[in-house]
Amino acid sequence: MGSLKPKWRRLAELSSLGLILPSSIIVGLFFGYWLDKLFGTHPWLLLVFTVLGIASGLINLLRAVQKINKNMPPHEE
């Protein structure tokens, strides 16, 4: 029964990978859109913050994958 806990934890870590990139992009989109409306600079801040969201999402995704790989047990053949 104790062996199920690490499997579920690993499944949760892997399933969270699919949310990291889209959530960062969406935050960048909404923040850029809001700032564009506030300052009247449409579409420049939307584009800038979308690119920043993509970049931060990729960085966070790579960090998460490295963390998961670091915690993964060695492959047995």
PDB file of N, CA and C in Angstrom:
ATOM      1  N   MET A   1       0.814  -1.194   0.000  1.00  0.00           N
ATOM      2  CA  MET A   1       0.000   0.000   0.000  1.00  0.00           C
ATOM      3  C   MET A   1       0.863   1.267   0.000  1.00  0.00           C
ATOM      4  N   GLY A   2       2.034   1.178   0.647  1.00  0.00           N
ATOM      5  CA  GLY A   2       2.900   2.337   0.703  1.00  0.00           C
ATOM      6  C   GLY A   2       3.522   2.685  -0.638  1.00  0.00           C
ATOM      7  N   SER A   3       3.583   1.717  -1.552  1.00  0.00           N
ATOM      8  CA  SER A   3       4.193   1.979  -2.854  1.00  0.00           C
ATOM      9  C   SER A   3       3.285   2.800  -3.768  1.00  0.00           C
ATOM     10  N   LEU A   4       2.001   2.891  -3.455  1.00  0.00           N
ATOM     11  CA  LEU A   4       1.094   3.690  -4.283  1.00  0.00           C
ATOM     12  C   LEU A   4       1.309   5.185  -4.097  1.00  0.00           C
ATOM     13  N   LYS A   5       1.705   5.584  -2.912  1.00  0.00           N
ATOM     14  CA  LYS A   5       1.864   7.013  -2.639  1.00  0.00           C
ATOM     15  C   LYS A   5       2.898   7.667  -3.560  1.00  0.00           C
ATOM     16  N   PRO A   6       4.107   7.115  -3.722  1.00  0.00           N
ATOM     17  CA  PRO A   6       5.056   7.740  -4.654  1.00  0.00           C
ATOM     18  C   PRO A   6       4.557   7.745  -6.094  1.00  0.00           C
ATOM     19  N   LYS A   7       3.807   6.706  -6.483  1.00  0.00           N
ATOM     20  CA  LYS A   7       3.288   6.670  -7.849  1.00  0.00           C
ATOM     21  C   LYS A   7       2.280   7.786  -8.080  1.00  0.00           C
ATOM     22  N   TRP A   8       1.410   8.018  -7.113  1.00  0.00           N
ATOM     23  CA  TRP A   8       0.415   9.086  -7.253  1.00  0.00           C
ATOM     24  C   TRP A   8       1.076  10.457  -7.218  1.00  0.00           C
ATOM     25  N   ARG A   9       2.100  10.586  -6.398  1.00  0.00           N
ATOM     26  CA  ARG A   9       2.824  11.864  -6.336  1.00  0.00           C
ATOM     27  C   ARG A   9       3.497  12.151  -7.677  1.00  0.00           C
ATOM     28  N   ARG A  10       4.098  11.138  -8.243  1.00  0.00           N
ATOM     29  CA  ARG A  10       4.756  11.292  -9.542  1.00  0.00           C
ATOM     30  C   ARG A  10       3.740  11.622 -10.634  1.00  0.00           C
ATOM     31  N   LEU A  11       2.589  10.972 -10.587  1.00  0.00           N
ATOM     32  CA  LEU A  11       1.532  11.259 -11.550  1.00  0.00           C
ATOM     33  C   LEU A  11       1.071  12.709 -11.428  1.00  0.00           C
ATOM     34  N   ALA A  12       0.946  13.194 -10.199  1.00  0.00           N
ATOM     35  CA  ALA A  12       0.540  14.588  -9.990  1.00  0.00           C
ATOM     36  C   ALA A  12       1.595  15.551 -10.526  1.00  0.00           C
ATOM     37  N   GLU A  13       2.868  15.237 -10.299  1.00  0.00           N
ATOM     38  CA  GLU A  13       3.940  16.087 -10.822  1.00  0.00           C
ATOM     39  C   GLU A  13       3.916  16.126 -12.345  1.00  0.00           C
ATOM     40  N   LEU A  14       3.749  14.981 -12.961  1.00  0.00           N
ATOM     41  CA  LEU A  14       3.743  14.921 -14.426  1.00  0.00           C
ATOM     42  C   LEU A  14       2.513  15.591 -15.023  1.00  0.00           C
ATOM     43  N   SER A  15       1.372  15.450 -14.370  1.00  0.00           N
ATOM     44  CA  SER A  15       0.157  16.071 -14.909  1.00  0.00           C
ATOM     45  C   SER A  15       0.191  17.590 -14.775  1.00  0.00           C
ATOM     46  N   SER A  16       0.936  18.098 -13.817  1.00  0.00           N
ATOM     47  CA  SER A  16       1.030  19.551 -13.668  1.00  0.00           C
ATOM     48  C   SER A  16       1.854  20.189 -14.787  1.00  0.00           C
ATOM     49  N   LEU A  17       2.670  19.406 -15.471  1.00  0.00           N
ATOM     50  CA  LEU A  17       3.490  19.950 -16.559  1.00  0.00           C
ATOM     51  C   LEU A  17       2.636  20.537 -17.675  1.00  0.00           C
ATOM     52  N   GLY A  18       1.491  19.949 -17.912  1.00  0.00           N
ATOM     53  CA  GLY A  18       0.616  20.427 -18.974  1.00  0.00           C
ATOM     54  C   GLY A  18      -0.041  21.757 -18.681  1.00  0.00           C
ATOM     55  N   LEU A  19       0.006  22.198 -17.439  1.00  0.00           N
ATOM     56  CA  LEU A  19      -0.620  23.462 -17.058  1.00  0.00           C
ATOM     57  C   LEU A  19       0.368  24.618 -16.945  1.00  0.00           C
ATOM     58  N   ILE A  20       1.638  24.307 -16.848  1.00  0.00           N
ATOM     59  CA  ILE A  20       2.638  25.348 -16.594  1.00  0.00           C
ATOM     60  C   ILE A  20       2.715  26.355 -17.743  1.00  0.00           C
ATOM     61  N   LEU A  21       2.913  25.897 -18.948  1.00  0.00           N
ATOM     62  CA  LEU A  21       3.078  26.799 -20.094  1.00  0.00           C
ATOM     63  C   LEU A  21       1.800  27.567 -20.427  1.00  0.00           C
ATOM     64  N   PRO A  22       0.649  26.906 -20.561  1.00  0.00           N
ATOM     65  CA  PRO A  22      -0.566  27.671 -20.894  1.00  0.00           C
ATOM     66  C   PRO A  22      -0.949  28.694 -19.828  1.00  0.00           C
ATOM     67  N   SER A  23      -0.749  28.355 -18.560  1.00  0.00           N
ATOM     68  CA  SER A  23      -1.124  29.316 -17.516  1.00  0.00           C
ATOM     69  C   SER A  23      -0.235  30.555 -17.558  1.00  0.00           C
ATOM     70  N   SER A  24       1.046  30.388 -17.831  1.00  0.00           N
ATOM     71  CA  SER A  24       1.942  31.541 -17.939  1.00  0.00           C
ATOM     72  C   SER A  24       1.569  32.419 -19.128  1.00  0.00           C
ATOM     73  N   ILE A  25       1.219  31.797 -20.238  1.00  0.00           N
ATOM     74  CA  ILE A  25       0.825  32.560 -21.424  1.00  0.00           C
ATOM     75  C   ILE A  25      -0.470  33.322 -21.162  1.00  0.00           C
ATOM     76  N   ILE A  26      -1.435  32.679 -20.526  1.00  0.00           N
ATOM     77  CA  ILE A  26      -2.718  33.329 -20.239  1.00  0.00           C
ATOM     78  C   ILE A  26      -2.533  34.509 -19.298  1.00  0.00           C
ATOM     79  N   VAL A  27      -1.690  34.356 -18.280  1.00  0.00           N
ATOM     80  CA  VAL A  27      -1.420  35.470 -17.362  1.00  0.00           C
ATOM     81  C   VAL A  27      -0.789  36.629 -18.125  1.00  0.00           C
ATOM     82  N   GLY A  28       0.173  36.340 -19.001  1.00  0.00           N
ATOM     83  CA  GLY A  28       0.794  37.387 -19.810  1.00  0.00           C
ATOM     84  C   GLY A  28      -0.201  38.078 -20.725  1.00  0.00           C
ATOM     85  N   LEU A  29      -1.088  37.298 -21.348  1.00  0.00           N
ATOM     86  CA  LEU A  29      -2.114  37.867 -22.227  1.00  0.00           C
ATOM     87  C   LEU A  29      -3.041  38.814 -21.472  1.00  0.00           C
ATOM     88  N   PHE A  30      -3.573  38.344 -20.360  1.00  0.00           N
ATOM     89  CA  PHE A  30      -4.511  39.174 -19.608  1.00  0.00           C
ATOM     90  C   PHE A  30      -3.846  40.420 -19.032  1.00  0.00           C
ATOM     91  N   PHE A  31      -2.618  40.265 -18.519  1.00  0.00           N
ATOM     92  CA  PHE A  31      -1.916  41.416 -17.953  1.00  0.00           C
ATOM     93  C   PHE A  31      -1.597  42.435 -19.044  1.00  0.00           C
ATOM     94  N   GLY A  32      -1.133  41.969 -20.203  1.00  0.00           N
ATOM     95  CA  GLY A  32      -0.842  42.871 -21.315  1.00  0.00           C
ATOM     96  C   GLY A  32      -2.089  43.556 -21.837  1.00  0.00           C
ATOM     97  N   TYR A  33      -3.187  42.815 -21.939  1.00  0.00           N
ATOM     98  CA  TYR A  33      -4.459  43.392 -22.393  1.00  0.00           C
ATOM     99  C   TYR A  33      -4.934  44.475 -21.427  1.00  0.00           C
ATOM    100  N   TRP A  34      -4.841  44.182 -20.124  1.00  0.00           N
ATOM    101  CA  TRP A  34      -5.273  45.141 -19.107  1.00  0.00           C
ATOM    102  C   TRP A  34      -4.417  46.412 -19.156  1.00  0.00           C
ATOM    103  N   LEU A  35      -3.104  46.247 -19.290  1.00  0.00           N
ATOM    104  CA  LEU A  35      -2.224  47.418 -19.363  1.00  0.00           C
ATOM    105  C   LEU A  35      -2.451  48.211 -20.644  1.00  0.00           C
ATOM    106  N   ASP A  36      -2.727  47.526 -21.749  1.00  0.00           N
ATOM    107  CA  ASP A  36      -3.042  48.220 -23.002  1.00  0.00           C
ATOM    108  C   ASP A  36      -4.297  49.069 -22.858  1.00  0.00           C
ATOM    109  N   LYS A  37      -5.312  48.529 -22.210  1.00  0.00           N
ATOM    110  CA  LYS A  37      -6.540  49.306 -21.995  1.00  0.00           C
ATOM    111  C   LYS A  37      -6.273  50.488 -21.068  1.00  0.00           C
ATOM    112  N   LEU A  38      -5.426  50.271 -20.062  1.00  0.00           N
ATOM    113  CA  LEU A  38      -5.125  51.318 -19.085  1.00  0.00           C
ATOM    114  C   LEU A  38      -4.343  52.464 -19.723  1.00  0.00           C
ATOM    115  N   PHE A  39      -3.356  52.145 -20.540  1.00  0.00           N
ATOM    116  CA  PHE A  39      -2.487  53.168 -21.113  1.00  0.00           C
ATOM    117  C   PHE A  39      -2.811  53.518 -22.566  1.00  0.00           C
ATOM    118  N   GLY A  40      -3.717  52.789 -23.196  1.00  0.00           N
ATOM    119  CA  GLY A  40      -4.078  53.061 -24.587  1.00  0.00           C
ATOM    120  C   GLY A  40      -2.967  52.758 -25.571  1.00  0.00           C
ATOM    121  N   THR A  41      -2.232  51.708 -25.329  1.00  0.00           N
ATOM    122  CA  THR A  41      -1.090  51.362 -26.181  1.00  0.00           C
ATOM    123  C   THR A  41      -1.341  50.110 -27.013  1.00  0.00           C
ATOM    124  N   HIS A  42      -2.584  49.799 -27.274  1.00  0.00           N
ATOM    125  CA  HIS A  42      -2.950  48.562 -27.977  1.00  0.00           C
ATOM    126  C   HIS A  42      -2.196  48.425 -29.285  1.00  0.00           C
ATOM    127  N   PRO A  43      -1.583  47.387 -29.637  1.00  0.00           N
ATOM    128  CA  PRO A  43      -1.431  46.051 -29.065  1.00  0.00           C
ATOM    129  C   PRO A  43      -0.058  45.803 -28.448  1.00  0.00           C
ATOM    130  N   TRP A  44       0.726  46.848 -28.224  1.00  0.00           N
ATOM    131  CA  TRP A  44       2.138  46.660 -27.883  1.00  0.00           C
ATOM    132  C   TRP A  44       2.376  45.951 -26.558  1.00  0.00           C
ATOM    133  N   LEU A  45       1.714  46.373 -25.511  1.00  0.00           N
ATOM    134  CA  LEU A  45       1.939  45.716 -24.220  1.00  0.00           C
ATOM    135  C   LEU A  45       1.383  44.296 -24.214  1.00  0.00           C
ATOM    136  N   LEU A  46       0.313  44.074 -24.964  1.00  0.00           N
ATOM    137  CA  LEU A  46      -0.224  42.719 -25.103  1.00  0.00           C
ATOM    138  C   LEU A  46       0.828  41.805 -25.728  1.00  0.00           C
ATOM    139  N   LEU A  47       1.475  42.277 -26.772  1.00  0.00           N
ATOM    140  CA  LEU A  47       2.510  41.476 -27.432  1.00  0.00           C
ATOM    141  C   LEU A  47       3.717  41.245 -26.525  1.00  0.00           C
ATOM    142  N   VAL A  48       4.151  42.304 -25.846  1.00  0.00           N
ATOM    143  CA  VAL A  48       5.317  42.195 -24.966  1.00  0.00           C
ATOM    144  C   VAL A  48       5.054  41.200 -23.844  1.00  0.00           C
ATOM    145  N   PHE A  49       3.905  41.326 -23.185  1.00  0.00           N
ATOM    146  CA  PHE A  49       3.623  40.447 -22.056  1.00  0.00           C
ATOM    147  C   PHE A  49       3.264  39.028 -22.498  1.00  0.00           C
ATOM    148  N   THR A  50       2.782  38.863 -23.717  1.00  0.00           N
ATOM    149  CA  THR A  50       2.571  37.513 -24.241  1.00  0.00           C
ATOM    150  C   THR A  50       3.914  36.820 -24.455  1.00  0.00           C
ATOM    151  N   VAL A  51       4.859  37.537 -25.028  1.00  0.00           N
ATOM    152  CA  VAL A  51       6.202  36.974 -25.224  1.00  0.00           C
ATOM    153  C   VAL A  51       6.852  36.680 -23.875  1.00  0.00           C
ATOM    154  N   LEU A  52       6.692  37.584 -22.906  1.00  0.00           N
ATOM    155  CA  LEU A  52       7.234  37.338 -21.567  1.00  0.00           C
ATOM    156  C   LEU A  52       6.565  36.129 -20.916  1.00  0.00           C
ATOM    157  N   GLY A  53       5.273  35.970 -21.134  1.00  0.00           N
ATOM    158  CA  GLY A  53       4.562  34.807 -20.603  1.00  0.00           C
ATOM    159  C   GLY A  53       5.065  33.512 -21.215  1.00  0.00           C
ATOM    160  N   ILE A  54       5.312  33.533 -22.518  1.00  0.00           N
ATOM    161  CA  ILE A  54       5.850  32.343 -23.188  1.00  0.00           C
ATOM    162  C   ILE A  54       7.238  32.013 -22.641  1.00  0.00           C
ATOM    163  N   ALA A  55       8.078  33.036 -22.514  1.00  0.00           N
ATOM    164  CA  ALA A  55       9.439  32.818 -22.013  1.00  0.00           C
ATOM    165  C   ALA A  55       9.426  32.302 -20.575  1.00  0.00           C
ATOM    166  N   SER A  56       8.628  32.923 -19.723  1.00  0.00           N
ATOM    167  CA  SER A  56       8.588  32.470 -18.329  1.00  0.00           C
ATOM    168  C   SER A  56       7.972  31.080 -18.221  1.00  0.00           C
ATOM    169  N   GLY A  57       6.997  30.782 -19.067  1.00  0.00           N
ATOM    170  CA  GLY A  57       6.403  29.451 -19.065  1.00  0.00           C
ATOM    171  C   GLY A  57       7.407  28.384 -19.465  1.00  0.00           C
ATOM    172  N   LEU A  58       8.209  28.677 -20.487  1.00  0.00           N
ATOM    173  CA  LEU A  58       9.228  27.716 -20.913  1.00  0.00           C
ATOM    174  C   LEU A  58      10.285  27.511 -19.836  1.00  0.00           C
ATOM    175  N   ILE A  59      10.695  28.597 -19.191  1.00  0.00           N
ATOM    176  CA  ILE A  59      11.684  28.490 -18.115  1.00  0.00           C
ATOM    177  C   ILE A  59      11.126  27.662 -16.966  1.00  0.00           C
ATOM    178  N   ASN A  60       9.886  27.942 -16.567  1.00  0.00           N
ATOM    179  CA  ASN A  60       9.275  27.178 -15.478  1.00  0.00           C
ATOM    180  C   ASN A  60       9.074  25.717 -15.858  1.00  0.00           C
ATOM    181  N   LEU A  61       8.727  25.464 -17.107  1.00  0.00           N
ATOM    182  CA  LEU A  61       8.556  24.089 -17.575  1.00  0.00           C
ATOM    183  C   LEU A  61       9.882  23.330 -17.526  1.00  0.00           C
ATOM    184  N   LEU A  62      10.952  23.964 -17.987  1.00  0.00           N
ATOM    185  CA  LEU A  62      12.266  23.318 -17.946  1.00  0.00           C
ATOM    186  C   LEU A  62      12.713  23.050 -16.514  1.00  0.00           C
ATOM    187  N   ARG A  63      12.477  23.997 -15.615  1.00  0.00           N
ATOM    188  CA  ARG A  63      12.828  23.792 -14.203  1.00  0.00           C
ATOM    189  C   ARG A  63      12.037  22.641 -13.597  1.00  0.00           C
ATOM    190  N   ALA A  64      10.759  22.561 -13.919  1.00  0.00           N
ATOM    191  CA  ALA A  64       9.923  21.484 -13.380  1.00  0.00           C
ATOM    192  C   ALA A  64      10.375  20.125 -13.906  1.00  0.00           C
ATOM    193  N   VAL A  65      10.725  20.056 -15.189  1.00  0.00           N
ATOM    194  CA  VAL A  65      11.196  18.793 -15.765  1.00  0.00           C
ATOM    195  C   VAL A  65      12.520  18.386 -15.125  1.00  0.00           C
ATOM    196  N   GLN A  66      13.416  19.346 -14.911  1.00  0.00           N
ATOM    197  CA  GLN A  66      14.684  19.040 -14.258  1.00  0.00           C
ATOM    198  C   GLN A  66      14.463  18.535 -12.839  1.00  0.00           C
ATOM    199  N   LYS A  67      13.524  19.137 -12.128  1.00  0.00           N
ATOM    200  CA  LYS A  67      13.230  18.710 -10.760  1.00  0.00           C
ATOM    201  C   LYS A  67      12.664  17.293 -10.746  1.00  0.00           C
ATOM    202  N   ILE A  68      11.766  17.007 -11.681  1.00  0.00           N
ATOM    203  CA  ILE A  68      11.182  15.667 -11.753  1.00  0.00           C
ATOM    204  C   ILE A  68      12.249  14.639 -12.117  1.00  0.00           C
ATOM    205  N   ASN A  69      13.108  14.968 -13.078  1.00  0.00           N
ATOM    206  CA  ASN A  69      14.172  14.037 -13.471  1.00  0.00           C
ATOM    207  C   ASN A  69      15.172  13.813 -12.351  1.00  0.00           C
ATOM    208  N   LYS A  70      15.420  14.832 -11.563  1.00  0.00           N
ATOM    209  CA  LYS A  70      16.349  14.719 -10.441  1.00  0.00           C
ATOM    210  C   LYS A  70      15.801  13.758  -9.388  1.00  0.00           C
ATOM    211  N   ASN A  71      14.488  13.793  -9.171  1.00  0.00           N
ATOM    212  CA  ASN A  71      13.858  12.942  -8.164  1.00  0.00           C
ATOM    213  C   ASN A  71      13.529  11.545  -8.687  1.00  0.00           C
ATOM    214  N   MET A  72      13.728  11.318  -9.981  1.00  0.00           N
ATOM    215  CA  MET A  72      13.371  10.031 -10.572  1.00  0.00           C
ATOM    216  C   MET A  72      14.429   8.984 -10.228  1.00  0.00           C
ATOM    217  N   PRO A  73      13.978   7.786  -9.858  1.00  0.00           N
ATOM    218  CA  PRO A  73      14.959   6.734  -9.575  1.00  0.00           C
ATOM    219  C   PRO A  73      15.669   6.310 -10.855  1.00  0.00           C
ATOM    220  N   PRO A  74      16.890   5.780 -10.732  1.00  0.00           N
ATOM    221  CA  PRO A  74      17.626   5.355 -11.925  1.00  0.00           C
ATOM    222  C   PRO A  74      16.880   4.246 -12.665  1.00  0.00           C
ATOM    223  N   HIS A  75      17.005   4.272 -13.974  1.00  0.00           N
ATOM    224  CA  HIS A  75      16.331   3.277 -14.815  1.00  0.00           C
ATOM    225  C   HIS A  75      17.052   1.938 -14.703  1.00  0.00           C
ATOM    226  N   GLU A  76      16.275   0.899 -14.453  1.00  0.00           N
ATOM    227  CA  GLU A  76      16.857  -0.440 -14.360  1.00  0.00           C
ATOM    228  C   GLU A  76      16.582  -1.198 -15.648  1.00  0.00           C
ATOM    229  N   GLU A  77      17.594  -1.875 -16.158  1.00  0.00           N
ATOM    230  CA  GLU A  77      17.421  -2.650 -17.394  1.00  0.00           C
ATOM    231  C   GLU A  77      17.329  -4.114 -17.087  1.00  0.00           C
TER     232      GLU A  77
END
